Amino acid sequence: MARPDFWADKESQAAAVAELKRATAVVSPLEEIRKRLADARDYLELGRGAWSEEIETHVRECVEPAERLLAEVDFRTMMGGDHDHRNAILSIHAGAGGVESCDWARMLLRMYTRWLEEKGFKLESLDSVAEPEGGIRSATLQVNGAYAFGYLQAEAGVHRLVRISPFDANSRRHTSFASVDVAPEMDEIEVEIDEKDLKTDTYRSQGAGGQHVNVTDSAVRITHLPSGIVVTCQNERSQHKNRASAMKVLRGRLYRLEQAKREEELRYLYGEKGEIAWGRQIRSYVLQPYQLVKDHRTEEETGNAEGVLEGKIDRFIEAYLRRRARLRSEAASKPAKKSK
């Protein structure tokens, strides 16, 4: 950054600044912990001759913040994946259950939006398809911020809701499903895509968005033929910008597909037919006849379902990341199989 020509290249400048922020986020807490523990040792040395409540207070004021910082560093080390530090692309799709599931997808979108805003992440809507009777059929968000993908990957899978339906005149209990997909924002050079494998369609944007809506064919739908993955983007006025955003989403999903194959998660998350329905859920949210949110991968649960839907999902994310770190550690400690 001290080079005279550093600020001339905006692209490399942005990448270097982002890398500096990630490095600083690792180093700064460690330096602060070291400083506070050194101060605590100095106070302990002073207290050898004549211990007092004042010295004890000073020691506590040094040690307790150091403990909190150490817990944060410990948590951060669980996100050591190659792409955990990247921005994320969060997609929500309504599943089995009709308008009930569309409303459930809207509730999930609100839950994640609240959590992300509280954490200081920046959000940008890439695509959204509303359900005329209520809720959304799908929505895709660009999430910018350090370790966005590292945090949000814990949410990928099918989410199940049980509640008394507000759409049922007889007030019966209904079960709804929605899927959440999370992919890292990938650079072009890291995920190569052959243009021959792409089918691109353009259409008029729908919903709120200004004069260009329903006037120009600015919205873009890209189908990756080998994998069958379909991505859409319609938030920009320019077809070119929408295509660039859609390609970002596609690269991220292709990476996640390969990652899921390697980790054998694809069958667990979506099943062989990719159904967003019963038996595939990673988490259940029960609002009636009692309140309970339970993650079926980690067994983490809470009775504060309303709080979870307001965005209090840290406990589930942390439990998932700790479980993943433990499984990776166990796998790494196993001796490699000898080939015959």
Foldseek 3Di string as FASTA:
>chain_A
DPDPCLVVDVVVVVVVVLVVVVVCLQPVLVVLLVVLVVQLVVLVVVCPVPNDPVSVVSNCVSVVVSVVSVVVNVLVVLLPDPQQFFWKKKKKAWAPDPQQSQQVSQLVVQQAVLQLVVVPWDKDWFDWAPDPVDHTRMTMITTDDTRNLVQCVLQFFKEKEWAQDPVDPVRDIDITIMGMDMFGQDDCVVFDADPVQKDKDFAAADDDAPDSGPPDRQKMWIARNVVRDIFIGDNDSHNVVSVVVRVRVVRRVVVVVVVCVVVVCPCLRQRPVRHRDPPNGQWYAYDPPAGKIAGPVQRDMDRPSVVSSNHPCVVSSSSSSVVVSVVVVVVVPDDDDDDD
